[in-house]
Amino acid sequence: METRRTWNTGMNNSDRLYNSARTAIPKALRTVWWLIKIILPISLAVSLLQHWGFIAQLANLLTPVFSIIGLPGESALVFISSILLNIYAAIAIIATLPLDMREITILALMCLIAHNMVVETAIQKKTGSSAVIMLMLRLITSFVAAIVLNILLPEQLGTGHAVQQMVVFDTIGVLLGDWLIKSGWLILKISLIVTGLMILQNILKEFKIIDFLSQLFAPLMRVMGLAKESSFLWLVAQILGLAYGSAIMIEAVERKEILPEHADLLNYHIAINHSLLEDTLLFVAIGVMPFWITVPRIVLAVAVVWGVGAIMKLGRSPIPPKPCIPLDAPPASRKDVKR
């Protein structure tokens, strides 16, 4: 049986698949190296700060603020840890605190908006968005969401949970050993996911499936105030998270597949609402109702995007999106772009 060939390239489908993978791997390796350079130093610094008690002290300072939104003072430790680390760290600390399900639900919503903020903001900055705006946006919306949820939630929202003992490392050596093991698994995970995404993106473009997805999700993107070209990037951010979505976005902006202003609007959305699948299910697994931690994020993200989009159309954008810096750009060219 004769292998089917495309009329425009002269290559059969096997060749097109191979070429898509071959051209994706060098880009994927650059992206993986760039992500590792951001993530590993930050995670090590935060682990050390947590070991030395600085994060706990910062959480104590924020106790009065958390009492305003109906949370006990110790819940500040959960929120700070999620900002500097991830959802897994937040859930691990929640397990050690005597919180009821109402308090856990409010905390879950805050953490889902603001988790891993240092790393993810650094990644979003590379796509052209303002780091300051992204940071402020996530902090403000996390507290706004908590205030609203504190008003809407019934006083009784299920039982609490069994309190566990927090893991404490005796020495720096033990902490570093644990960090190295976790970092090794993280590097493997990043490498596999980013490489797979880059290959998938090339295949979808080669076979014009991205065009189909853009048309399919165009009505949804329009409702959310986003460009139809954002469809694939939005899906990646919702399924795999903001870091991977933004990493793929850098490539799309560099290749002019999405306008910088459209990428910036997408960043406003996924800063508030991303990883609807994995991160949400982690909290559902400990008893949190999915409605209260998904719908508020979606509504907030859509409202913010429409508001920012209206300001941009009026020509009064406070800080326009910056040019996206290529991952392999030399240091001199990076200095030319003032951020």
Protein backbone atom coordinates (compact mmCIF):
# COMPACT_ATOMS: atom_id res chain seq x y z
CA MET A 1 0.00 0.00 0.00
CA GLU A 2 1.46 3.34 -1.01
CA THR A 3 2.29 5.74 1.83
CA ARG A 4 0.15 8.84 1.66
CA ARG A 5 2.01 12.04 0.77
CA THR A 6 0.97 15.63 1.28
CA TRP A 7 0.47 17.80 -1.75
CA ASN A 8 2.33 20.81 -0.33
CA THR A 9 5.49 19.32 1.17
CA GLY A 10 6.15 16.09 -0.75
CA MET A 11 6.77 14.30 2.57
CA ASN A 12 4.79 11.34 3.82
CA ASN A 13 3.19 11.43 7.24
CA SER A 14 6.00 9.42 8.87
CA ASP A 15 8.55 11.94 7.63
CA ARG A 16 6.43 14.81 8.89
CA LEU A 17 6.15 13.22 12.34
CA TYR A 18 9.90 12.57 12.45
CA ASN A 19 10.69 16.10 11.31
CA SER A 20 8.33 17.55 13.93
CA ALA A 21 10.11 15.62 16.70
CA ARG A 22 13.60 16.37 15.37
CA THR A 23 13.08 20.13 15.20
CA ALA A 24 11.34 20.22 18.58
CA ILE A 25 14.07 18.54 20.66
CA PRO A 26 16.74 21.33 20.48
CA LYS A 27 14.12 23.94 21.45
CA ALA A 28 12.88 21.69 24.24
CA LEU A 29 16.38 21.27 25.67
CA ARG A 30 16.93 25.04 25.72
CA THR A 31 13.59 25.53 27.44
CA VAL A 32 14.29 22.79 30.00
CA TRP A 33 17.68 24.29 30.85
CA TRP A 34 16.11 27.73 31.20
CA LEU A 35 13.36 26.43 33.50
CA ILE A 36 15.86 24.52 35.65
CA LYS A 37 18.03 27.63 36.07
CA ILE A 38 15.01 29.44 37.51
CA ILE A 39 13.35 26.70 39.54
CA LEU A 40 16.23 24.91 41.30
CA PRO A 41 17.96 27.93 42.92
CA ILE A 42 14.63 29.29 44.15
CA SER A 43 13.53 25.94 45.57
CA LEU A 44 16.87 25.51 47.38
CA ALA A 45 16.73 29.02 48.84
CA VAL A 46 13.15 28.52 50.04
CA SER A 47 13.98 25.12 51.57
CA LEU A 48 16.82 26.70 53.54
CA LEU A 49 14.68 29.62 54.66
CA GLN A 50 12.00 27.20 55.79
CA HIS A 51 14.56 25.10 57.68
CA TRP A 52 15.95 28.14 59.49
CA GLY A 53 12.48 29.35 60.50
CA PHE A 54 12.31 32.56 58.46
CA ILE A 55 9.09 31.54 56.70
CA ALA A 56 7.40 30.74 60.01
CA GLN A 57 8.41 34.17 61.34
CA LEU A 58 6.99 35.86 58.25
CA ALA A 59 3.76 33.91 58.67
CA ASN A 60 3.49 35.14 62.28
CA LEU A 61 3.70 38.74 61.07
CA LEU A 62 0.74 38.12 58.74
CA THR A 63 -1.50 36.62 61.40
CA PRO A 64 -3.65 39.80 61.87
CA VAL A 65 -4.30 39.97 58.12
CA PHE A 66 -5.59 36.40 57.98
CA SER A 67 -7.96 36.95 60.88
CA ILE A 68 -9.84 39.44 58.65
CA ILE A 69 -10.71 36.69 56.17
CA GLY A 70 -11.86 34.23 58.80
CA LEU A 71 -8.69 32.19 59.05
CA PRO A 72 -6.58 31.38 62.13
CA GLY A 73 -3.11 32.88 62.33
CA GLU A 74 -1.26 29.63 61.64
CA SER A 75 -2.92 29.40 58.23
CA ALA A 76 -0.58 32.18 57.08
CA LEU A 77 2.20 29.57 57.08
CA VAL A 78 0.24 27.54 54.52
CA PHE A 79 -0.24 30.53 52.23
CA ILE A 80 3.37 31.74 52.44
CA SER A 81 4.67 28.23 51.78
CA SER A 82 2.42 27.87 48.74
CA ILE A 83 3.62 31.20 47.34
CA LEU A 84 7.26 30.21 47.67
CA LEU A 85 6.86 26.51 46.91
CA ASN A 86 3.85 24.66 45.50
CA ILE A 87 0.48 23.06 46.23
CA TYR A 88 2.11 19.93 47.61
CA ALA A 89 3.89 21.98 50.29
CA ALA A 90 0.65 23.75 51.20
CA ILE A 91 -1.27 20.46 51.57
CA ALA A 92 1.55 18.96 53.64
CA ILE A 93 1.34 21.87 56.10
CA ILE A 94 -2.48 21.85 56.13
CA ALA A 95 -2.27 18.22 57.30
CA THR A 96 -0.38 19.38 60.43
CA LEU A 97 -2.87 22.10 61.43
CA PRO A 98 -6.24 21.75 63.25
CA LEU A 99 -8.33 23.39 60.51
CA ASP A 100 -11.96 22.71 59.68
CA MET A 101 -13.14 22.17 56.08
CA ARG A 102 -14.43 25.74 55.75
CA GLU A 103 -10.99 27.14 56.57
CA ILE A 104 -9.27 24.60 54.33
CA THR A 105 -11.56 25.57 51.42
CA ILE A 106 -10.71 29.28 51.76
CA LEU A 107 -7.01 28.46 52.03
CA ALA A 108 -7.21 26.12 49.04
CA LEU A 109 -8.65 28.86 46.83
CA MET A 110 -5.95 31.33 47.92
CA CYS A 111 -3.18 28.80 47.32
CA LEU A 112 -4.52 27.77 43.91
CA ILE A 113 -4.31 31.40 42.78
CA ALA A 114 -0.97 32.33 44.34
CA HIS A 115 1.07 29.11 44.56
CA ASN A 116 4.64 28.88 43.22
CA MET A 117 4.37 32.57 42.47
CA VAL A 118 8.07 33.45 42.46
CA VAL A 119 8.98 30.86 39.83
CA GLU A 120 5.86 31.32 37.72
CA THR A 121 6.12 35.12 37.69
CA ALA A 122 9.73 34.89 36.51
CA ILE A 123 8.53 32.65 33.67
CA GLN A 124 5.64 34.96 32.78
CA LYS A 125 8.03 37.91 32.66
CA LYS A 126 9.93 36.19 29.86
CA THR A 127 6.76 36.18 27.75
CA GLY A 128 6.54 39.98 27.99
CA SER A 129 4.23 40.59 30.95
CA SER A 130 5.17 42.84 33.86
CA ALA A 131 6.47 40.85 36.84
CA VAL A 132 5.21 43.49 39.28
CA ILE A 133 1.70 43.44 37.83
CA MET A 134 1.56 39.64 37.79
CA LEU A 135 2.70 39.48 41.43
CA MET A 136 0.24 42.12 42.60
CA LEU A 137 -2.57 40.61 40.54
CA ARG A 138 -2.21 37.17 42.12
CA LEU A 139 -1.81 38.49 45.66
CA ILE A 140 -4.77 40.86 45.43
CA THR A 141 -7.12 38.40 43.73
CA SER A 142 -6.23 35.65 46.21
CA PHE A 143 -7.35 37.86 49.10
CA VAL A 144 -10.39 39.17 47.22
CA ALA A 145 -11.43 35.58 46.51
CA ALA A 146 -10.90 34.65 50.18
CA ILE A 147 -13.00 37.59 51.41
CA VAL A 148 -15.88 36.72 49.06
CA LEU A 149 -15.67 33.03 49.92
CA ASN A 150 -15.67 33.85 53.64
CA ILE A 151 -19.00 35.63 53.09
CA LEU A 152 -20.57 32.98 50.85
CA LEU A 153 -19.53 29.76 52.55
CA PRO A 154 -21.87 28.24 55.15
CA GLU A 155 -20.52 28.07 58.68
CA GLN A 156 -20.61 24.27 58.66
CA LEU A 157 -18.87 22.77 55.64
CA GLY A 158 -18.01 19.24 56.67
CA THR A 159 -15.65 17.85 59.26
CA GLY A 160 -12.00 18.64 59.72
CA HIS A 161 -9.14 16.21 59.24
CA ALA A 162 -6.70 14.19 61.27
CA VAL A 163 -3.71 16.31 62.28
CA GLN A 164 -0.35 14.87 61.28
CA GLN A 165 3.14 15.68 62.49
CA MET A 166 5.17 18.03 60.32
CA VAL A 167 8.37 16.63 58.80
CA VAL A 168 11.41 18.42 60.22
CA PHE A 169 14.96 17.81 58.98
CA ASP A 170 17.54 17.45 61.76
CA THR A 171 20.50 18.79 59.80
CA ILE A 172 21.28 20.78 56.66
CA GLY A 173 22.85 17.65 55.18
CA VAL A 174 19.63 15.68 55.45
CA LEU A 175 17.67 18.61 53.98
CA LEU A 176 20.10 18.93 51.05
CA GLY A 177 19.91 15.19 50.41
CA ASP A 178 16.12 15.34 50.29
CA TRP A 179 16.29 18.43 48.04
CA LEU A 180 18.70 16.72 45.62
CA ILE A 181 16.46 13.66 45.29
CA LYS A 182 13.35 15.77 44.71
CA SER A 183 15.27 18.00 42.27
CA GLY A 184 16.38 14.97 40.27
CA TRP A 185 12.79 13.80 39.87
CA LEU A 186 11.72 17.36 39.05
CA ILE A 187 14.36 17.67 36.30
CA LEU A 188 13.17 14.37 34.81
CA LYS A 189 9.54 15.50 34.98
CA ILE A 190 10.30 18.88 33.39
CA SER A 191 12.39 17.28 30.64
CA LEU A 192 9.72 14.75 29.70
CA ILE A 193 6.80 17.18 29.84
CA VAL A 194 8.48 20.06 27.98
CA THR A 195 9.93 17.78 25.29
CA GLY A 196 6.58 16.10 24.84
CA LEU A 197 4.79 19.44 24.65
CA MET A 198 7.22 20.84 22.09
CA ILE A 199 6.88 17.73 19.91
CA LEU A 200 3.09 17.81 20.27
CA GLN A 201 3.00 21.49 19.38
CA ASN A 202 5.06 20.88 16.22
CA ILE A 203 2.86 17.95 15.20
CA LEU A 204 -0.31 19.95 15.77
CA LYS A 205 1.09 22.79 13.66
CA GLU A 206 2.37 20.48 10.92
CA PHE A 207 -1.01 18.80 10.49
CA LYS A 208 -2.95 22.07 10.95
CA ILE A 209 -4.65 20.73 14.09
CA ILE A 210 -3.84 23.92 16.00
CA ASP A 211 -5.88 25.83 13.44
CA PHE A 212 -8.76 23.42 14.09
CA LEU A 213 -8.40 23.83 17.87
CA SER A 214 -8.33 27.60 17.50
CA GLN A 215 -11.60 27.52 15.58
CA LEU A 216 -13.14 24.96 17.96
CA PHE A 217 -12.32 26.96 21.09
CA ALA A 218 -12.81 30.38 19.50
CA PRO A 219 -16.28 30.89 21.07
CA LEU A 220 -14.95 29.99 24.53
CA MET A 221 -11.91 32.23 24.08
CA ARG A 222 -14.19 35.05 22.95
CA VAL A 223 -16.36 34.68 26.08
CA MET A 224 -13.24 34.85 28.23
CA GLY A 225 -11.93 37.91 26.38
CA LEU A 226 -9.00 36.05 24.82
CA ALA A 227 -7.80 35.70 21.23
CA LYS A 228 -8.54 32.43 19.43
CA GLU A 229 -4.77 31.96 18.96
CA SER A 230 -4.60 31.49 22.74
CA SER A 231 -6.55 28.19 22.59
CA PHE A 232 -3.67 25.70 22.67
CA LEU A 233 -1.66 27.71 25.21
CA TRP A 234 -4.73 28.04 27.44
CA LEU A 235 -5.32 24.29 27.29
CA VAL A 236 -1.70 23.55 28.21
CA ALA A 237 -1.89 25.93 31.18
CA GLN A 238 -5.13 24.34 32.41
CA ILE A 239 -3.97 20.75 32.04
CA LEU A 240 -0.29 21.00 33.00
CA GLY A 241 0.07 24.35 34.76
CA LEU A 242 1.24 27.90 34.28
CA ALA A 243 4.97 27.22 34.07
CA TYR A 244 4.63 24.83 31.14
CA GLY A 245 1.99 26.99 29.46
CA SER A 246 4.18 30.08 29.65
CA ALA A 247 7.25 28.17 28.48
CA ILE A 248 5.38 27.14 25.34
CA MET A 249 4.05 30.69 25.03
CA ILE A 250 7.59 32.06 24.74
CA GLU A 251 8.13 29.93 21.66
CA ALA A 252 4.79 31.06 20.19
CA VAL A 253 5.58 34.76 20.75
CA GLU A 254 9.07 34.39 19.26
CA ARG A 255 7.58 32.80 16.14
CA LYS A 256 4.89 35.52 16.01
CA GLU A 257 2.13 32.92 16.28
CA ILE A 258 0.44 35.08 18.91
CA LEU A 259 0.60 38.86 19.31
CA PRO A 260 2.40 40.16 22.43
CA GLU A 261 -0.76 41.92 23.66
CA HIS A 262 -2.77 38.70 23.26
CA ALA A 263 -0.09 36.76 25.15
CA ASP A 264 -0.20 39.41 27.87
CA LEU A 265 -3.99 39.06 28.21
CA LEU A 266 -3.62 35.29 28.41
CA ASN A 267 -1.09 35.78 31.21
CA TYR A 268 -3.65 37.80 33.18
CA HIS A 269 -6.06 34.89 32.89
CA ILE A 270 -3.70 32.01 33.68
CA ALA A 271 -2.08 33.94 36.53
CA ILE A 272 -5.40 33.58 38.37
CA ASN A 273 -6.81 30.44 36.79
CA HIS A 274 -4.53 27.60 35.76
CA SER A 275 -3.99 23.88 36.40
CA LEU A 276 -7.71 23.24 36.72
CA LEU A 277 -7.05 19.51 36.61
CA GLU A 278 -4.12 18.36 38.79
CA ASP A 279 -3.97 21.06 41.46
CA THR A 280 -7.74 21.12 41.94
CA LEU A 281 -7.86 17.34 42.34
CA LEU A 282 -5.17 17.48 45.03
CA PHE A 283 -7.47 19.54 47.24
CA VAL A 284 -10.54 17.51 46.26
CA ALA A 285 -8.64 14.46 47.52
CA ILE A 286 -8.55 15.94 51.05
CA GLY A 287 -12.26 16.73 51.05
CA VAL A 288 -12.59 20.20 49.45
CA MET A 289 -15.66 20.69 47.23
CA PRO A 290 -14.47 21.38 43.66
CA PHE A 291 -17.13 24.04 42.98
CA TRP A 292 -15.72 26.47 45.55
CA ILE A 293 -12.15 26.27 44.22
CA THR A 294 -12.84 26.29 40.46
CA VAL A 295 -15.77 28.60 39.71
CA PRO A 296 -14.40 31.61 41.68
CA ARG A 297 -11.05 31.35 39.86
CA ILE A 298 -12.70 31.21 36.44
CA VAL A 299 -15.03 34.14 37.21
CA LEU A 300 -12.17 36.25 38.60
CA ALA A 301 -9.91 35.49 35.63
CA VAL A 302 -12.59 36.34 33.07
CA ALA A 303 -13.52 39.56 34.87
CA VAL A 304 -9.88 40.68 35.09
CA VAL A 305 -9.19 39.92 31.40
CA TRP A 306 -12.24 41.85 30.24
CA GLY A 307 -11.28 44.78 32.47
CA VAL A 308 -7.66 44.84 31.28
CA GLY A 309 -8.79 44.37 27.67
CA ALA A 310 -11.11 47.38 27.97
CA ILE A 311 -8.26 49.51 29.34
CA MET A 312 -5.99 48.39 26.49
CA LYS A 313 -8.61 49.29 23.88
CA LEU A 314 -8.87 52.75 25.38
CA GLY A 315 -5.13 53.11 24.93
CA ARG A 316 -4.48 53.59 28.62
CA SER A 317 -2.69 50.33 29.47
CA PRO A 318 -0.65 51.17 32.59
CA ILE A 319 2.30 48.98 31.59
CA PRO A 320 2.28 47.61 28.03
CA PRO A 321 3.67 44.12 27.41
CA LYS A 322 7.44 44.04 26.92
CA PRO A 323 9.17 42.27 24.04
CA CYS A 324 9.64 38.56 24.59
CA ILE A 325 13.34 37.72 25.05
CA PRO A 326 14.46 34.58 23.18
CA LEU A 327 15.76 31.84 25.49
CA ASP A 328 19.05 31.62 23.62
CA ALA A 329 19.61 35.36 23.28
CA PRO A 330 23.10 36.57 24.33
CA PRO A 331 23.36 38.64 27.55
CA ALA A 332 24.03 41.86 25.63
CA SER A 333 20.73 41.66 23.78
CA ARG A 334 18.88 40.95 27.03
CA LYS A 335 20.19 44.20 28.50
CA ASP A 336 18.79 46.13 25.57
CA VAL A 337 15.26 45.31 26.68
CA LYS A 338 14.43 47.42 29.72
CA ARG A 339 11.99 45.76 32.09
